[in-house]
C-alpha atoms as a PDB file:
ATOM      1  CA  UNK A   1      72.310 109.522 114.302  1.00  0.00           C
ATOM      2  CA  UNK A   2      74.736 107.445 112.688  1.00  0.00           C
ATOM      3  CA  UNK A   3      78.356 108.922 111.887  1.00  0.00           C
ATOM      4  CA  UNK A   4      79.677 106.242 109.957  1.00  0.00           C
ATOM      5  CA  UNK A   5      80.882 108.580 107.544  1.00  0.00           C
ATOM      6  CA  UNK A   6      83.216 109.488 110.025  1.00  0.00           C
ATOM      7  CA  UNK A   7      84.987 106.000 110.227  1.00  0.00           C
ATOM      8  CA  UNK A   8      87.609 106.512 107.908  1.00  0.00           C
ATOM      9  CA  UNK A   9      88.668 109.797 109.525  1.00  0.00           C
ATOM     10  CA  UNK A  10      89.226 108.088 112.750  1.00  0.00           C
ATOM     11  CA  UNK A  11      91.004 105.297 111.661  1.00  0.00           C
ATOM     12  CA  UNK A  12      93.258 107.952 109.690  1.00  0.00           C
ATOM     13  CA  UNK A  13      93.808 110.037 113.000  1.00  0.00           C
ATOM     14  CA  UNK A  14      94.287 107.141 114.987  1.00  0.00           C
ATOM     15  CA  UNK A  15      96.924 105.819 112.834  1.00  0.00           C
ATOM     16  CA  UNK A  16      98.550 109.448 112.600  1.00  0.00           C
ATOM     17  CA  UNK A  17      98.452 109.740 116.558  1.00  0.00           C
ATOM     18  CA  UNK A  18      99.602 106.087 116.837  1.00  0.00           C
ATOM     19  CA  UNK A  19     102.758 106.957 114.906  1.00  0.00           C
ATOM     20  CA  UNK A  20     103.242 110.232 116.635  1.00  0.00           C
ATOM     21  CA  UNK A  21     103.023 108.755 119.823  1.00  0.00           C
ATOM     22  CA  UNK A  22     105.272 105.548 118.803  1.00  0.00           C
ATOM     23  CA  UNK A  23     108.440 108.068 117.757  1.00  0.00           C
ATOM     24  CA  UNK A  24     107.978 109.727 121.455  1.00  0.00           C
ATOM     25  CA  UNK A  25     107.481 106.597 123.288  1.00  0.00           C
ATOM     26  CA  UNK A  26     104.315 107.692 124.622  1.00  0.00           C
ATOM     27  CA  UNK A  27     101.227 105.562 124.633  1.00  0.00           C
ATOM     28  CA  UNK A  28      97.817 106.182 123.108  1.00  0.00           C
ATOM     29  CA  UNK A  29      95.467 108.312 125.678  1.00  0.00           C
ATOM     30  CA  UNK A  30      92.534 105.642 126.409  1.00  0.00           C
ATOM     31  CA  UNK A  31      90.459 108.725 127.271  1.00  0.00           C
ATOM     32  CA  UNK A  32      90.625 109.756 123.932  1.00  0.00           C
ATOM     33  CA  UNK A  33      87.175 109.233 122.216  1.00  0.00           C
ATOM     34  CA  UNK A  34      88.729 107.334 118.947  1.00  0.00           C
ATOM     35  CA  UNK A  35      91.311 105.501 120.692  1.00  0.00           C
ATOM     36  CA  UNK A  36      88.609 104.327 123.341  1.00  0.00           C
ATOM     37  CA  UNK A  37      86.034 103.391 120.601  1.00  0.00           C
ATOM     38  CA  UNK A  38      88.710 101.799 118.163  1.00  0.00           C
ATOM     39  CA  UNK A  39      89.831  99.574 121.360  1.00  0.00           C
ATOM     40  CA  UNK A  40      86.461  98.352 122.529  1.00  0.00           C
ATOM     41  CA  UNK A  41      84.435  98.354 119.378  1.00  0.00           C
ATOM     42  CA  UNK A  42      86.584  96.290 117.164  1.00  0.00           C
ATOM     43  CA  UNK A  43      84.986  93.124 116.017  1.00  0.00           C
ATOM     44  CA  UNK A  44      87.388  90.661 117.386  1.00  0.00           C
ATOM     45  CA  UNK A  45      88.073  88.444 120.095  1.00  0.00           C
ATOM     46  CA  UNK A  46      90.827  90.855 121.875  1.00  0.00           C
ATOM     47  CA  UNK A  47      88.176  93.633 121.567  1.00  0.00           C
ATOM     48  CA  UNK A  48      85.551  91.332 123.408  1.00  0.00           C
ATOM     49  CA  UNK A  49      87.937  90.296 126.160  1.00  0.00           C
ATOM     50  CA  UNK A  50      89.096  94.304 126.591  1.00  0.00           C
ATOM     51  CA  UNK A  51      85.385  95.272 126.687  1.00  0.00           C
ATOM     52  CA  UNK A  52      84.627  92.502 129.137  1.00  0.00           C
ATOM     53  CA  UNK A  53      87.690  93.054 131.375  1.00  0.00           C
ATOM     54  CA  UNK A  54      86.646  96.914 131.666  1.00  0.00           C
ATOM     55  CA  UNK A  55      83.266  96.009 132.605  1.00  0.00           C
ATOM     56  CA  UNK A  56      83.994  93.495 135.049  1.00  0.00           C
ATOM     57  CA  UNK A  57      86.419  96.117 136.931  1.00  0.00           C
ATOM     58  CA  UNK A  58      83.754  98.988 136.828  1.00  0.00           C
ATOM     59  CA  UNK A  59      81.083  96.739 138.282  1.00  0.00           C
ATOM     60  CA  UNK A  60      83.541  94.736 140.774  1.00  0.00           C
ATOM     61  CA  UNK A  61      81.956  91.270 139.485  1.00  0.00           C
ATOM     62  CA  UNK A  62      83.189  88.646 136.519  1.00  0.00           C
ATOM     63  CA  UNK A  63      81.456  89.282 133.509  1.00  0.00           C
ATOM     64  CA  UNK A  64      81.066  85.696 131.645  1.00  0.00           C
ATOM     65  CA  UNK A  65      79.291  86.623 128.681  1.00  0.00           C
ATOM     66  CA  UNK A  66      78.833  89.652 126.578  1.00  0.00           C
ATOM     67  CA  UNK A  67      76.550  90.741 123.752  1.00  0.00           C
ATOM     68  CA  UNK A  68      76.484  93.762 121.856  1.00  0.00           C
ATOM     69  CA  UNK A  69      73.566  94.730 120.249  1.00  0.00           C
ATOM     70  CA  UNK A  70      73.771  97.818 117.519  1.00  0.00           C
ATOM     71  CA  UNK A  71      70.773  99.666 117.474  1.00  0.00           C
END
């Protein structure tokens, strides 16, 4: 089931939470679903590098190539 209609909600929620946390000097919680997804699924080089490094840390081996398939 695709929940693409929720994307604007997640981005709005992320921006709101980021503003609140910035005022308090607190980083965003990576364990929060919308923060995790925003960080690792954005279509840019920083996001792909972050995902590659996360996967490398999880499997204990370097990940040289990363391909993401959408279904």
